[in-house]
């Protein structure tokens, strides 16, 4: 038994410890598939839970998976209003001469940023990637610095980028976990631009090129994301699919062919959808309870969660879970919006599977002098008898 299988089974053993033995025996999840690849990882897009991984943090050459970061930064800058899809980007000689997969833009011409974005995502154009990098940051080197800053913000601890394309460089690397984190940000932050990743082909300058993600043709639930290949990296793929409202992200590094990367990625997706389910318990910002406030202009404050409380667990387990809330015993004004005022826990029997801070959804200012004095007296006696 390899270490991945052992860890997975240990996780399941811990997960089912608090369950009735007969029920647990019926819900055994089989060991995850072993793939013909260097490394892989399967993540739920909503909860961020990692369901399966093998060498998930190993630093490997990402090849054109790099362009996920290039496209992410471009769409982020568009949403900020710093650039526009209608911007005309002048194609430099450096962009035009960049080797590898190409969109076939011509040096000295001007191309709309929106077309270049399609060329990056669908055609995997190295020339388009460099052109967009230069348009955003002035040079590819400066853009690489921006890529690394963005990677750090997203928690991509094992990634370092030296270019916008993924062409080989000894200091250019990423990992399956980091690529899953990046894909999750692309999917969740910008659904409008994410739709581009599902397009099967793109026509530019009378040259039609297909999306290299074979799963777009084989599995109607797949709607992204990106392939990559160099001799050093092998054939890589980040894919995402939605079935019955659940979205999974599969990352595979280092298979030996286009067919293999599609087939091995499909194994991960099939396993995840078959044996796991995701449910949102509470939504970010929704009022879950009201908490009493001392010395405040208001007597009560609304409390909820700062983030969605979403869990991914083996199928059949969700109905056994129970959620509970506890409030701090004495909350005194002033209270800032977002301040922690309690805790939410999700339990399986006696086992806490997840906890999250319960926060104030609104600010409560200090009350007037009379209320503060009166509440101070009340708190004094409260302390004596409690």
Protein backbone atom coordinates (compact mmCIF):
# COMPACT_ATOMS: atom_id res chain seq x y z
CA UNK A 1 0.00 0.00 0.00
CA UNK A 2 1.49 3.37 -0.99
CA UNK A 3 1.47 6.42 1.30
CA UNK A 4 -1.40 8.14 -0.56
CA UNK A 5 -3.69 5.13 -0.16
CA UNK A 6 -2.69 4.80 3.51
CA UNK A 7 -3.39 8.47 4.29
CA UNK A 8 -6.71 8.33 2.44
CA UNK A 9 -7.84 5.26 4.38
CA UNK A 10 -6.66 6.79 7.66
CA UNK A 11 -8.75 9.88 6.87
CA UNK A 12 -11.80 7.72 6.31
CA UNK A 13 -11.15 5.76 9.50
CA UNK A 14 -11.04 8.99 11.53
CA UNK A 15 -14.10 10.32 9.72
CA UNK A 16 -16.20 7.28 10.55
CA UNK A 17 -15.01 6.76 14.14
CA UNK A 18 -18.01 8.54 15.65
CA UNK A 19 -20.59 6.75 13.48
CA UNK A 20 -22.60 3.66 14.31
CA UNK A 21 -20.49 0.69 13.25
CA UNK A 22 -23.13 -0.88 11.03
CA UNK A 23 -23.74 2.37 9.17
CA UNK A 24 -20.02 3.01 8.74
CA UNK A 25 -19.45 -0.47 7.37
CA UNK A 26 -21.92 0.22 4.57
CA UNK A 27 -20.24 3.52 3.62
CA UNK A 28 -16.62 2.50 2.99
CA UNK A 29 -15.08 4.62 0.25
CA UNK A 30 -12.67 2.66 -1.95
CA UNK A 31 -9.07 3.70 -2.32
CA UNK A 32 -8.53 6.45 -4.90
CA UNK A 33 -7.32 5.54 -8.39
CA UNK A 34 -3.59 5.38 -9.02
CA UNK A 35 -2.76 7.39 -12.12
CA UNK A 36 -0.05 7.07 -14.76
CA UNK A 37 1.26 10.55 -13.95
CA UNK A 38 3.92 12.29 -11.86
CA UNK A 39 1.50 14.07 -9.53
CA UNK A 40 -2.19 14.86 -9.20
CA UNK A 41 -4.86 16.39 -6.99
CA UNK A 42 -8.65 16.56 -6.83
CA UNK A 43 -10.36 19.52 -5.11
CA UNK A 44 -13.94 20.55 -4.51
CA UNK A 45 -14.33 24.05 -5.95
CA UNK A 46 -16.87 25.26 -3.38
CA UNK A 47 -15.42 23.98 -0.12
CA UNK A 48 -11.76 23.89 -1.18
CA UNK A 49 -11.47 20.37 0.29
CA UNK A 50 -8.82 18.15 -1.25
CA UNK A 51 -10.31 14.70 -1.87
CA UNK A 52 -7.35 12.92 -3.47
CA UNK A 53 -3.72 13.82 -4.00
CA UNK A 54 -0.41 12.32 -4.94
CA UNK A 55 2.65 14.57 -4.55
CA UNK A 56 0.28 17.53 -4.45
CA UNK A 57 2.98 19.95 -3.28
CA UNK A 58 5.81 18.72 -5.51
CA UNK A 59 7.40 21.54 -7.51
CA UNK A 60 7.16 20.64 -11.17
CA UNK A 61 7.36 22.48 -14.51
CA UNK A 62 3.78 23.55 -15.33
CA UNK A 63 4.27 24.19 -19.06
CA UNK A 64 1.26 26.04 -20.49
CA UNK A 65 -0.73 25.65 -17.27
CA UNK A 66 1.21 28.85 -16.54
CA UNK A 67 -1.22 30.67 -18.83
CA UNK A 68 -3.95 30.22 -16.22
CA UNK A 69 -2.09 32.81 -14.17
CA UNK A 70 -1.53 35.05 -17.21
CA UNK A 71 -5.24 34.96 -18.06
CA UNK A 72 -6.28 35.35 -14.40
CA UNK A 73 -4.26 38.54 -14.02
CA UNK A 74 -5.61 39.90 -17.30
CA UNK A 75 -9.23 39.35 -16.28
CA UNK A 76 -8.50 40.75 -12.82
CA UNK A 77 -7.14 43.94 -14.38
CA UNK A 78 -10.21 44.13 -16.62
CA UNK A 79 -12.52 43.87 -13.60
CA UNK A 80 -10.54 46.60 -11.83
CA UNK A 81 -11.01 48.86 -14.85
CA UNK A 82 -7.27 49.17 -15.43
CA UNK A 83 -7.55 47.72 -18.93
CA UNK A 84 -10.36 46.89 -21.34
CA UNK A 85 -11.09 44.02 -23.69
CA UNK A 86 -11.36 46.68 -26.39
CA UNK A 87 -7.77 47.86 -25.82
CA UNK A 88 -5.67 47.59 -28.95
CA UNK A 89 -2.41 45.84 -28.07
CA UNK A 90 0.59 46.42 -30.30
CA UNK A 91 2.42 43.17 -31.01
CA UNK A 92 6.12 43.54 -30.24
CA UNK A 93 8.89 41.64 -31.98
CA UNK A 94 9.57 39.80 -28.73
CA UNK A 95 5.97 38.56 -28.59
CA UNK A 96 5.98 37.68 -32.30
CA UNK A 97 9.24 35.71 -32.03
CA UNK A 98 8.19 33.67 -28.97
CA UNK A 99 8.30 30.01 -29.94
CA UNK A 100 5.98 27.12 -29.18
CA UNK A 101 2.20 27.18 -29.59
CA UNK A 102 1.00 30.35 -31.28
CA UNK A 103 -2.06 32.45 -32.03
CA UNK A 104 -0.22 33.71 -35.13
CA UNK A 105 -0.42 37.43 -34.45
CA UNK A 106 1.87 39.57 -36.62
CA UNK A 107 4.59 41.92 -35.42
CA UNK A 108 3.61 45.60 -35.48
CA UNK A 109 -0.13 44.93 -35.77
CA UNK A 110 -2.71 45.88 -33.17
CA UNK A 111 -4.99 43.21 -31.72
CA UNK A 112 -7.90 43.68 -29.33
CA UNK A 113 -7.10 42.50 -25.82
CA UNK A 114 -10.29 40.39 -25.81
CA UNK A 115 -9.06 38.44 -28.86
CA UNK A 116 -5.67 37.91 -27.26
CA UNK A 117 -7.38 36.59 -24.13
CA UNK A 118 -9.21 34.02 -26.26
CA UNK A 119 -5.91 33.21 -27.96
CA UNK A 120 -4.28 32.52 -24.59
CA UNK A 121 -7.07 30.39 -23.14
CA UNK A 122 -8.28 28.44 -26.19
CA UNK A 123 -5.28 28.36 -28.55
CA UNK A 124 -2.59 28.46 -25.82
CA UNK A 125 -0.80 31.18 -27.78
CA UNK A 126 2.63 32.02 -26.43
CA UNK A 127 2.73 35.10 -28.64
CA UNK A 128 -0.61 36.27 -27.25
CA UNK A 129 0.56 35.64 -23.68
CA UNK A 130 3.67 37.78 -24.09
CA UNK A 131 1.72 40.54 -25.81
CA UNK A 132 -0.79 40.72 -22.95
CA UNK A 133 2.00 40.61 -20.36
CA UNK A 134 3.74 43.55 -22.02
CA UNK A 135 0.49 45.49 -22.30
CA UNK A 136 -0.24 45.08 -18.59
CA UNK A 137 3.22 45.44 -17.05
CA UNK A 138 5.45 46.94 -19.74
CA UNK A 139 7.66 43.87 -20.04
CA UNK A 140 7.42 40.13 -19.54
CA UNK A 141 9.91 40.30 -16.67
CA UNK A 142 7.80 42.89 -14.83
CA UNK A 143 4.71 40.78 -15.49
CA UNK A 144 6.44 37.75 -13.96
CA UNK A 145 6.90 39.77 -10.77
CA UNK A 146 3.18 40.49 -10.81
CA UNK A 147 2.48 36.78 -11.32
CA UNK A 148 4.53 35.90 -8.24
CA UNK A 149 2.86 38.57 -6.12
CA UNK A 150 -0.54 37.24 -7.17
CA UNK A 151 0.53 33.65 -6.48
CA UNK A 152 1.53 34.61 -2.94
CA UNK A 153 -1.86 36.28 -2.39
CA UNK A 154 -3.65 33.12 -3.50
CA UNK A 155 -1.55 30.93 -1.19
CA UNK A 156 0.36 29.23 -4.03
CA UNK A 157 3.33 28.39 -1.82
CA UNK A 158 5.12 26.14 -4.30
CA UNK A 159 4.90 28.32 -7.40
CA UNK A 160 7.44 30.65 -8.96
CA UNK A 161 6.99 32.17 -12.40
CA UNK A 162 9.70 33.45 -14.72
CA UNK A 163 7.57 34.08 -17.82
CA UNK A 164 3.99 34.40 -19.02
CA UNK A 165 4.00 31.28 -21.20
CA UNK A 166 5.40 28.32 -19.29
CA UNK A 167 8.33 27.85 -21.65
CA UNK A 168 11.07 25.93 -19.78
CA UNK A 169 13.16 27.79 -17.21
CA UNK A 170 15.01 26.20 -14.26
CA UNK A 171 13.34 28.56 -11.76
CA UNK A 172 9.83 28.28 -13.20
CA UNK A 173 7.66 25.79 -11.31
CA UNK A 174 4.29 25.11 -9.73
CA UNK A 175 2.43 22.21 -8.09
CA UNK A 176 -0.93 20.41 -8.41
CA UNK A 177 -2.27 22.08 -5.24
CA UNK A 178 -1.26 25.54 -6.42
CA UNK A 179 -2.85 25.04 -9.82
CA UNK A 180 -6.06 23.89 -8.14
CA UNK A 181 -6.06 27.03 -5.98
CA UNK A 182 -5.58 29.17 -9.08
CA UNK A 183 -8.33 27.35 -10.97
CA UNK A 184 -10.67 27.80 -8.01
CA UNK A 185 -10.02 31.56 -8.02
CA UNK A 186 -10.65 31.75 -11.78
CA UNK A 187 -13.93 29.84 -11.46
CA UNK A 188 -15.33 31.50 -8.34
CA UNK A 189 -14.23 35.10 -8.84
CA UNK A 190 -15.16 35.71 -12.47
CA UNK A 191 -17.84 33.39 -13.95
CA UNK A 192 -18.25 35.61 -17.02
CA UNK A 193 -14.66 35.21 -18.20
CA UNK A 194 -14.55 31.60 -17.04
CA UNK A 195 -17.02 30.80 -19.83
CA UNK A 196 -14.16 31.25 -22.32
CA UNK A 197 -12.48 28.10 -21.01
CA UNK A 198 -15.37 25.96 -22.29
CA UNK A 199 -15.03 27.13 -25.90
CA UNK A 200 -13.83 24.33 -28.15
CA UNK A 201 -12.18 26.43 -30.85
CA UNK A 202 -11.19 29.95 -31.81
CA UNK A 203 -10.78 31.49 -35.25
CA UNK A 204 -8.18 34.20 -35.67
CA UNK A 205 -6.79 35.59 -38.94
CA UNK A 206 -8.58 32.79 -40.81
CA UNK A 207 -6.74 30.18 -38.72
CA UNK A 208 -9.06 27.99 -36.65
CA UNK A 209 -7.43 26.16 -33.75
CA UNK A 210 -9.11 23.68 -31.38
CA UNK A 211 -8.95 23.74 -27.63
CA UNK A 212 -6.50 20.98 -26.64
CA UNK A 213 -8.62 19.90 -23.67
CA UNK A 214 -10.06 16.65 -25.05
CA UNK A 215 -12.48 16.33 -22.14
CA UNK A 216 -14.52 19.20 -23.59
CA UNK A 217 -15.52 16.77 -26.33
CA UNK A 218 -15.75 13.62 -24.22
CA UNK A 219 -17.59 14.81 -21.11
CA UNK A 220 -20.39 17.35 -21.37
CA UNK A 221 -20.01 18.24 -17.68
CA UNK A 222 -16.44 19.51 -18.24
CA UNK A 223 -16.17 23.26 -18.93
CA UNK A 224 -12.46 24.05 -18.54
CA UNK A 225 -9.64 24.73 -17.96
CA UNK A 226 -6.18 24.36 -19.55
CA UNK A 227 -3.66 21.91 -20.99
CA UNK A 228 0.11 22.09 -20.98
CA UNK A 229 3.00 20.23 -22.56
CA UNK A 230 6.76 20.42 -22.85
CA UNK A 231 9.31 17.63 -23.03
CA UNK A 232 10.34 18.44 -19.47
CA UNK A 233 6.82 18.71 -18.01
CA UNK A 234 5.11 15.94 -19.95
CA UNK A 235 1.40 16.30 -20.70
CA UNK A 236 -0.51 18.23 -18.01
CA UNK A 237 -4.14 19.20 -17.52
CA UNK A 238 -6.28 21.26 -15.16
CA UNK A 239 -9.93 20.35 -15.68
CA UNK A 240 -13.19 21.24 -13.97
CA UNK A 241 -16.66 19.74 -14.21
CA UNK A 242 -20.09 20.25 -12.65
CA UNK A 243 -22.53 17.45 -11.91
CA UNK A 244 -25.78 17.95 -9.97
CA UNK A 245 -24.54 21.27 -8.62
CA UNK A 246 -21.19 19.97 -7.39
CA UNK A 247 -18.02 21.29 -9.04
CA UNK A 248 -14.69 19.50 -8.88
CA UNK A 249 -11.23 20.57 -10.05
CA UNK A 250 -8.77 17.90 -11.20
CA UNK A 251 -5.08 18.58 -11.78
CA UNK A 252 -2.72 16.10 -13.43
CA UNK A 253 0.99 16.66 -14.05
CA UNK A 254 3.37 14.59 -16.16
CA UNK A 255 1.44 12.03 -18.20
CA UNK A 256 2.96 10.64 -21.40
CA UNK A 257 0.44 11.69 -24.08
CA UNK A 258 -2.59 13.85 -24.88
CA UNK A 259 -4.83 10.80 -24.63
CA UNK A 260 -3.33 9.78 -21.29
CA UNK A 261 -3.76 13.16 -19.65
CA UNK A 262 -7.43 13.20 -20.60
CA UNK A 263 -8.02 9.61 -19.49
CA UNK A 264 -6.19 9.98 -16.17
CA UNK A 265 -7.97 13.24 -15.38
CA UNK A 266 -11.31 11.61 -16.15
CA UNK A 267 -10.52 8.91 -13.58
CA UNK A 268 -10.14 11.55 -10.88
CA UNK A 269 -13.37 13.30 -11.78
CA UNK A 270 -15.34 10.04 -11.94
CA UNK A 271 -14.04 8.96 -8.53
CA UNK A 272 -14.80 12.29 -6.90
CA UNK A 273 -18.35 12.61 -8.19
CA UNK A 274 -19.14 8.96 -7.42
CA UNK A 275 -18.03 8.90 -3.79
CA UNK A 276 -18.20 12.50 -2.44
CA UNK A 277 -20.83 15.20 -2.09
CA UNK A 278 -20.77 18.87 -1.12
CA UNK A 279 -23.33 20.86 0.84
CA UNK A 280 -23.48 24.48 1.96
CA UNK A 281 -24.69 24.75 5.54
CA UNK A 282 -24.68 28.54 5.95
CA UNK A 283 -24.11 31.38 3.51
CA UNK A 284 -21.67 34.23 3.99
CA UNK A 285 -23.36 37.29 5.50
CA UNK A 286 -26.68 35.57 6.29
CA UNK A 287 -28.12 36.32 9.73
CA UNK A 288 -27.91 33.17 11.84
CA UNK A 289 -28.76 34.60 15.25
CA UNK A 290 -28.88 37.76 17.33
CA UNK A 291 -26.54 38.37 20.24
CA UNK A 292 -27.19 40.58 23.30
CA UNK A 293 -24.90 43.62 23.59
CA UNK A 294 -23.98 45.45 26.79
CA UNK A 295 -23.39 49.22 26.98
CA UNK A 296 -24.41 49.64 23.34
CA UNK A 297 -26.63 51.99 21.40
CA UNK A 298 -28.47 48.80 20.37
CA UNK A 299 -29.41 45.91 22.62
CA UNK A 300 -28.90 43.24 19.97
CA UNK A 301 -26.59 42.65 17.03
CA UNK A 302 -27.00 40.40 14.01
CA UNK A 303 -24.43 37.60 13.78
CA UNK A 304 -23.42 35.33 10.90
CA UNK A 305 -20.41 33.99 9.03
CA UNK A 306 -17.68 35.87 7.20
CA UNK A 307 -17.37 33.01 4.68
CA UNK A 308 -19.69 30.32 3.35
CA UNK A 309 -19.69 27.20 5.51
CA UNK A 310 -19.44 24.43 2.92
CA UNK A 311 -18.31 20.84 3.51
CA UNK A 312 -17.36 18.00 1.18
CA UNK A 313 -17.70 14.50 2.66
CA UNK A 314 -18.21 10.89 1.56
CA UNK A 315 -21.69 10.32 0.16
CA UNK A 316 -24.36 9.36 2.65
CA UNK A 317 -22.74 11.16 5.57
CA UNK A 318 -24.32 14.63 5.37
CA UNK A 319 -27.59 13.67 7.06
CA UNK A 320 -25.65 12.54 10.14
CA UNK A 321 -24.13 15.98 10.75
CA UNK A 322 -25.33 18.53 13.32
CA UNK A 323 -24.49 22.23 13.45
CA UNK A 324 -24.45 24.32 16.62
CA UNK A 325 -23.71 27.92 17.60
CA UNK A 326 -22.22 29.37 20.77
CA UNK A 327 -22.05 33.07 21.66
CA UNK A 328 -19.54 34.87 23.84
CA UNK A 329 -21.16 35.35 27.29
CA UNK A 330 -20.72 39.13 27.51
CA UNK A 331 -20.36 41.26 24.38
CA UNK A 332 -19.68 44.91 25.17
CA UNK A 333 -19.97 47.86 22.80
CA UNK A 334 -18.38 49.19 20.74
CA UNK A 335 -18.54 46.20 18.39
CA UNK A 336 -17.05 46.46 14.90
CA UNK A 337 -18.62 44.75 11.89
CA UNK A 338 -16.73 41.51 11.35
CA UNK A 339 -15.70 41.20 15.01
CA UNK A 340 -15.83 37.65 16.35
CA UNK A 341 -18.71 37.15 18.78
CA UNK A 342 -19.01 33.37 18.88
CA UNK A 343 -18.42 30.12 17.05
CA UNK A 344 -20.23 27.72 14.73
CA UNK A 345 -19.38 24.02 14.85
CA UNK A 346 -20.39 21.13 12.61
CA UNK A 347 -20.22 17.77 14.37
CA UNK A 348 -20.44 14.11 13.50
CA UNK A 349 -21.43 12.58 16.81
CA UNK A 350 -18.88 13.95 19.28
CA UNK A 351 -16.33 14.76 16.60
CA UNK A 352 -15.99 18.37 15.41
CA UNK A 353 -15.50 18.29 11.64
CA UNK A 354 -15.46 22.03 11.09
CA UNK A 355 -15.57 25.22 13.13
CA UNK A 356 -15.82 28.84 12.03
CA UNK A 357 -16.03 32.17 13.85
CA UNK A 358 -19.45 33.74 14.26
CA UNK A 359 -19.02 37.45 13.50
CA UNK A 360 -21.01 40.65 13.91
CA UNK A 361 -22.74 41.53 10.65
CA UNK A 362 -23.07 45.17 11.70
CA UNK A 363 -21.33 47.64 13.97
CA UNK A 364 -22.81 48.63 17.33
CA UNK A 365 -21.66 51.94 18.81
CA UNK A 366 -21.41 52.73 22.51
CA UNK A 367 -24.66 53.78 24.13
CA UNK A 368 -25.22 56.99 26.06
CA UNK A 369 -23.79 57.61 29.52
CA UNK A 370 -26.95 56.43 31.30
CA UNK A 371 -26.99 53.09 29.45
CA UNK A 372 -23.28 52.52 30.02
CA UNK A 373 -23.58 53.20 33.76
CA UNK A 374 -26.72 51.10 34.12
CA UNK A 375 -25.21 48.17 32.23
CA UNK A 376 -22.03 48.43 34.32
CA UNK A 377 -24.15 47.99 37.44
CA UNK A 378 -26.01 45.07 35.90
CA UNK A 379 -22.74 43.43 34.87
CA UNK A 380 -21.38 43.82 38.39
CA UNK A 381 -24.26 41.85 39.86
CA UNK A 382 -24.24 39.43 36.94
CA UNK A 383 -20.62 38.66 37.77
CA UNK A 384 -21.45 38.08 41.45
CA UNK A 385 -24.13 35.51 40.75
CA UNK A 386 -22.57 33.82 37.72
